[in-house]
C-alpha atoms as a PDB file:
ATOM      1  CA  MET A   1      42.165 -45.412 -65.838  1.00  0.00           C
ATOM      2  CA  LYS A   2      41.033 -46.307 -69.333  1.00  0.00           C
ATOM      3  CA  ARG A   3      41.762 -43.555 -71.793  1.00  0.00           C
ATOM      4  CA  PRO A   4      39.744 -42.829 -74.921  1.00  0.00           C
ATOM      5  CA  LYS A   5      41.525 -42.457 -78.241  1.00  0.00           C
ATOM      6  CA  GLU A   6      43.366 -39.122 -78.190  1.00  0.00           C
ATOM      7  CA  ARG A   7      44.112 -36.647 -80.949  1.00  0.00           C
ATOM      8  CA  GLY A   8      45.574 -33.203 -80.862  1.00  0.00           C
ATOM      9  CA  GLY A   9      48.392 -31.594 -79.048  1.00  0.00           C
ATOM     10  CA  GLY A  10      49.321 -28.622 -76.987  1.00  0.00           C
ATOM     11  CA  ASP A  11      47.146 -27.679 -74.067  1.00  0.00           C
ATOM     12  CA  ARG A  12      43.984 -29.253 -75.462  1.00  0.00           C
ATOM     13  CA  GLN A  13      43.196 -32.832 -76.348  1.00  0.00           C
ATOM     14  CA  VAL A  14      40.370 -34.062 -78.530  1.00  0.00           C
ATOM     15  CA  TRP A  15      38.999 -37.459 -77.577  1.00  0.00           C
ATOM     16  CA  ARG A  16      36.617 -39.317 -79.859  1.00  0.00           C
ATOM     17  CA  VAL A  17      34.221 -42.139 -79.199  1.00  0.00           C
ATOM     18  CA  ILE A  18      31.600 -43.934 -81.249  1.00  0.00           C
ATOM     19  CA  VAL A  19      28.608 -44.664 -79.053  1.00  0.00           C
ATOM     20  CA  ARG A  20      26.323 -47.603 -79.705  1.00  0.00           C
ATOM     21  CA  HIS A  21      22.848 -47.765 -78.245  1.00  0.00           C
ATOM     22  CA  GLY A  22      21.120 -51.079 -78.751  1.00  0.00           C
ATOM     23  CA  ARG A  23      21.887 -52.395 -82.217  1.00  0.00           C
ATOM     24  CA  SER A  24      22.606 -49.073 -83.874  1.00  0.00           C
ATOM     25  CA  ASP A  25      25.272 -46.417 -83.563  1.00  0.00           C
ATOM     26  CA  VAL A  26      24.133 -43.260 -81.794  1.00  0.00           C
ATOM     27  CA  GLY A  27      26.972 -41.341 -83.356  1.00  0.00           C
ATOM     28  CA  GLU A  28      30.540 -40.235 -83.020  1.00  0.00           C
ATOM     29  CA  TYR A  29      31.183 -37.563 -80.425  1.00  0.00           C
ATOM     30  CA  GLN A  30      34.317 -35.554 -79.755  1.00  0.00           C
ATOM     31  CA  LEU A  31      35.119 -33.932 -76.459  1.00  0.00           C
ATOM     32  CA  THR A  32      37.904 -31.391 -76.177  1.00  0.00           C
ATOM     33  CA  PHE A  33      39.529 -30.888 -72.790  1.00  0.00           C
ATOM     34  CA  SER A  34      41.925 -28.252 -71.563  1.00  0.00           C
ATOM     35  CA  SER A  35      44.731 -29.430 -69.312  1.00  0.00           C
ATOM     36  CA  ASP A  36      42.819 -28.052 -66.293  1.00  0.00           C
ATOM     37  CA  GLU A  37      39.694 -29.991 -67.260  1.00  0.00           C
ATOM     38  CA  ARG A  38      41.726 -33.156 -67.795  1.00  0.00           C
ATOM     39  CA  HIS A  39      43.291 -32.682 -64.373  1.00  0.00           C
ATOM     40  CA  VAL A  40      39.843 -32.330 -62.722  1.00  0.00           C
ATOM     41  CA  ILE A  41      38.571 -35.478 -64.454  1.00  0.00           C
ATOM     42  CA  GLU A  42      41.684 -37.500 -63.659  1.00  0.00           C
ATOM     43  CA  ALA A  43      41.599 -36.350 -60.020  1.00  0.00           C
ATOM     44  CA  GLY A  44      37.927 -37.331 -59.793  1.00  0.00           C
ATOM     45  CA  ALA A  45      38.586 -40.765 -61.286  1.00  0.00           C
ATOM     46  CA  GLU A  46      41.454 -41.338 -58.851  1.00  0.00           C
ATOM     47  CA  ALA A  47      39.286 -40.162 -55.937  1.00  0.00           C
ATOM     48  CA  LEU A  48      36.493 -42.569 -56.917  1.00  0.00           C
ATOM     49  CA  SER A  49      39.013 -45.385 -57.214  1.00  0.00           C
ATOM     50  CA  VAL A  50      40.300 -44.659 -53.690  1.00  0.00           C
ATOM     51  CA  LEU A  51      36.748 -44.476 -52.319  1.00  0.00           C
ATOM     52  CA  GLN A  52      35.848 -47.821 -53.890  1.00  0.00           C
ATOM     53  CA  ARG A  53      39.119 -49.619 -53.139  1.00  0.00           C
ATOM     54  CA  THR A  54      39.572 -48.540 -49.546  1.00  0.00           C
ATOM     55  CA  ARG A  55      36.038 -47.795 -48.386  1.00  0.00           C
ATOM     56  CA  THR A  56      37.423 -44.473 -47.167  1.00  0.00           C
ATOM     57  CA  ARG A  57      34.961 -41.890 -45.911  1.00  0.00           C
ATOM     58  CA  SER A  58      36.043 -38.556 -47.329  1.00  0.00           C
ATOM     59  CA  TRP A  59      34.008 -35.497 -48.196  1.00  0.00           C
ATOM     60  CA  ASP A  60      36.916 -34.057 -50.192  1.00  0.00           C
ATOM     61  CA  LEU A  61      37.243 -37.194 -52.323  1.00  0.00           C
ATOM     62  CA  TRP A  62      33.502 -37.155 -53.059  1.00  0.00           C
ATOM     63  CA  MET A  63      33.696 -33.480 -54.045  1.00  0.00           C
ATOM     64  CA  ALA A  64      36.536 -34.314 -56.470  1.00  0.00           C
ATOM     65  CA  VAL A  65      34.302 -36.971 -58.043  1.00  0.00           C
ATOM     66  CA  GLY A  66      31.414 -34.505 -58.249  1.00  0.00           C
ATOM     67  CA  LEU A  67      33.524 -31.832 -59.929  1.00  0.00           C
ATOM     68  CA  ALA A  68      34.819 -34.360 -62.468  1.00  0.00           C
ATOM     69  CA  LEU A  69      31.295 -35.525 -63.270  1.00  0.00           C
ATOM     70  CA  LYS A  70      30.127 -31.939 -63.671  1.00  0.00           C
ATOM     71  CA  VAL A  71      32.932 -31.150 -66.140  1.00  0.00           C
ATOM     72  CA  LEU A  72      32.153 -34.332 -68.052  1.00  0.00           C
ATOM     73  CA  ARG A  73      28.388 -33.681 -68.046  1.00  0.00           C
ATOM     74  CA  ASN A  74      28.886 -30.165 -69.416  1.00  0.00           C
ATOM     75  CA  LYS A  75      31.229 -31.440 -72.145  1.00  0.00           C
ATOM     76  CA  VAL A  76      28.785 -34.168 -73.180  1.00  0.00           C
ATOM     77  CA  MET A  77      25.847 -31.750 -73.244  1.00  0.00           C
ATOM     78  CA  ALA A  78      27.828 -29.424 -75.520  1.00  0.00           C
ATOM     79  CA  ALA A  79      28.919 -32.310 -77.767  1.00  0.00           C
ATOM     80  CA  ILE A  80      25.370 -33.528 -78.348  1.00  0.00           C
ATOM     81  CA  ASN A  81      24.000 -29.978 -78.496  1.00  0.00           C
ATOM     82  CA  THR A  82      21.491 -30.174 -75.662  1.00  0.00           C
ATOM     83  CA  GLU A  83      20.636 -27.921 -72.739  1.00  0.00           C
ATOM     84  CA  GLN A  84      19.271 -30.713 -70.542  1.00  0.00           C
ATOM     85  CA  PRO A  85      21.167 -33.744 -69.239  1.00  0.00           C
ATOM     86  CA  ALA A  86      18.397 -36.151 -70.270  1.00  0.00           C
ATOM     87  CA  GLY A  87      17.326 -38.453 -73.052  1.00  0.00           C
ATOM     88  CA  SER A  88      18.548 -41.679 -74.564  1.00  0.00           C
ATOM     89  CA  ILE A  89      21.369 -40.099 -76.576  1.00  0.00           C
ATOM     90  CA  TYR A  90      22.633 -38.130 -73.573  1.00  0.00           C
ATOM     91  CA  ASN A  91      22.441 -41.242 -71.372  1.00  0.00           C
ATOM     92  CA  ALA A  92      24.315 -43.382 -73.898  1.00  0.00           C
ATOM     93  CA  VAL A  93      27.047 -40.803 -74.537  1.00  0.00           C
ATOM     94  CA  PHE A  94      27.474 -39.784 -70.892  1.00  0.00           C
ATOM     95  CA  GLY A  95      27.505 -43.436 -69.809  1.00  0.00           C
ATOM     96  CA  GLU A  96      30.199 -44.284 -72.334  1.00  0.00           C
ATOM     97  CA  TRP A  97      32.395 -41.380 -71.254  1.00  0.00           C
ATOM     98  CA  MET A  98      31.910 -42.133 -67.543  1.00  0.00           C
ATOM     99  CA  SER A  99      33.005 -45.679 -68.237  1.00  0.00           C
ATOM    100  CA  ARG A 100      36.040 -44.646 -70.257  1.00  0.00           C
ATOM    101  CA  PHE A 101      37.226 -42.229 -67.576  1.00  0.00           C
ATOM    102  CA  GLY A 102      36.532 -44.561 -64.639  1.00  0.00           C
ATOM    103  CA  LEU A 103      33.784 -42.362 -63.211  1.00  0.00           C
ATOM    104  CA  VAL A 104      30.903 -44.841 -63.086  1.00  0.00           C
ATOM    105  CA  THR A 105      28.627 -44.292 -60.092  1.00  0.00           C
ATOM    106  CA  ASP A 106      25.060 -45.317 -59.434  1.00  0.00           C
ATOM    107  CA  LYS A 107      22.359 -42.906 -60.572  1.00  0.00           C
ATOM    108  CA  ALA A 108      21.264 -41.786 -57.080  1.00  0.00           C
ATOM    109  CA  THR A 109      24.800 -41.028 -55.915  1.00  0.00           C
ATOM    110  CA  ARG A 110      25.526 -39.161 -59.146  1.00  0.00           C
ATOM    111  CA  SER A 111      22.319 -37.127 -58.844  1.00  0.00           C
ATOM    112  CA  HIS A 112      23.122 -36.197 -55.247  1.00  0.00           C
ATOM    113  CA  LEU A 113      26.681 -35.276 -56.231  1.00  0.00           C
ATOM    114  CA  PHE A 114      25.364 -32.878 -58.872  1.00  0.00           C
ATOM    115  CA  ASP A 115      22.989 -31.344 -56.296  1.00  0.00           C
ATOM    116  CA  LEU A 116      25.790 -30.998 -53.746  1.00  0.00           C
ATOM    117  CA  ILE A 117      28.172 -29.407 -56.249  1.00  0.00           C
ATOM    118  CA  ASP A 118      25.437 -26.929 -57.228  1.00  0.00           C
ATOM    119  CA  HIS A 119      24.972 -25.989 -53.538  1.00  0.00           C
ATOM    120  CA  ARG A 120      28.516 -26.633 -52.373  1.00  0.00           C
ATOM    121  CA  GLU A 121      29.120 -23.395 -50.450  1.00  0.00           C
ATOM    122  CA  GLU A 122      25.853 -23.700 -48.537  1.00  0.00           C
ATOM    123  CA  VAL A 123      26.364 -27.406 -47.807  1.00  0.00           C
ATOM    124  CA  GLU A 124      29.926 -26.914 -46.620  1.00  0.00           C
ATOM    125  CA  ALA A 125      28.841 -24.036 -44.354  1.00  0.00           C
ATOM    126  CA  TRP A 126      26.105 -26.296 -42.937  1.00  0.00           C
ATOM    127  CA  ARG A 127      28.606 -29.132 -42.408  1.00  0.00           C
ATOM    128  CA  ARG A 128      30.996 -26.812 -40.507  1.00  0.00           C
ATOM    129  CA  THR A 129      28.331 -25.206 -38.328  1.00  0.00           C
ATOM    130  CA  THR A 130      25.920 -28.085 -37.724  1.00  0.00           C
ATOM    131  CA  LEU A 131      27.941 -31.297 -37.669  1.00  0.00           C
ATOM    132  CA  ASP A 132      30.469 -31.918 -34.957  1.00  0.00           C
ATOM    133  CA  PRO A 133      33.928 -33.060 -36.126  1.00  0.00           C
ATOM    134  CA  LYS A 134      33.106 -36.727 -35.560  1.00  0.00           C
ATOM    135  CA  GLU A 135      29.916 -36.448 -37.643  1.00  0.00           C
ATOM    136  CA  GLN A 136      31.797 -34.585 -40.372  1.00  0.00           C
ATOM    137  CA  LEU A 137      34.133 -37.562 -40.698  1.00  0.00           C
ATOM    138  CA  LYS A 138      31.283 -40.076 -40.577  1.00  0.00           C
ATOM    139  CA  ILE A 139      28.687 -38.418 -42.848  1.00  0.00           C
ATOM    140  CA  THR A 140      30.422 -38.090 -46.206  1.00  0.00           C
ATOM    141  CA  HIS A 141      28.477 -40.139 -48.764  1.00  0.00           C
ATOM    142  CA  PRO A 142      26.647 -37.787 -51.159  1.00  0.00           C
ATOM    143  CA  SER A 143      23.227 -39.364 -50.552  1.00  0.00           C
ATOM    144  CA  SER A 144      23.590 -39.136 -46.762  1.00  0.00           C
ATOM    145  CA  VAL A 145      24.849 -35.559 -46.857  1.00  0.00           C
ATOM    146  CA  TRP A 146      22.149 -34.449 -49.304  1.00  0.00           C
ATOM    147  CA  ARG A 147      19.307 -35.968 -47.265  1.00  0.00           C
ATOM    148  CA  ARG A 148      20.587 -34.515 -43.995  1.00  0.00           C
ATOM    149  CA  TRP A 149      21.252 -31.078 -45.475  1.00  0.00           C
ATOM    150  CA  LYS A 150      17.940 -30.923 -47.316  1.00  0.00           C
ATOM    151  CA  GLY A 151      16.057 -32.014 -44.181  1.00  0.00           C
ATOM    152  CA  LYS A 152      17.739 -29.349 -42.026  1.00  0.00           C
ATOM    153  CA  ARG A 153      16.980 -26.371 -44.264  1.00  0.00           C
END
């Protein structure tokens, strides 16, 4: 995994990045992570790497990716002082950090992951009670799960 430039010590690390958008700099943004947050992000990056390398179907690996993206999204939103994950600055900063942490996913998958994480308890209950064990192993991609769950409600 690529690591951004680190500063700080102890339980928290401050990572800085200068983000360029087009021909101009968007700005320099610092994100501070606790050791727990770093662990979530690193676990998510490793999970995504396994999913991409091995073509494994795993709900748990996708949930690790989703949790990592959620932590990262919240950190970026705080760094750029916004309440909505939208806009050119957000997109540039979030994209840069996803790239640096090895968490790059396509927009649809990422959107469905955020939806699934927001409704995780309900979705997991639906998976346990509606899908047979074979389907649970087969239907793991965030877009597939989201469409099936949303259609069944």
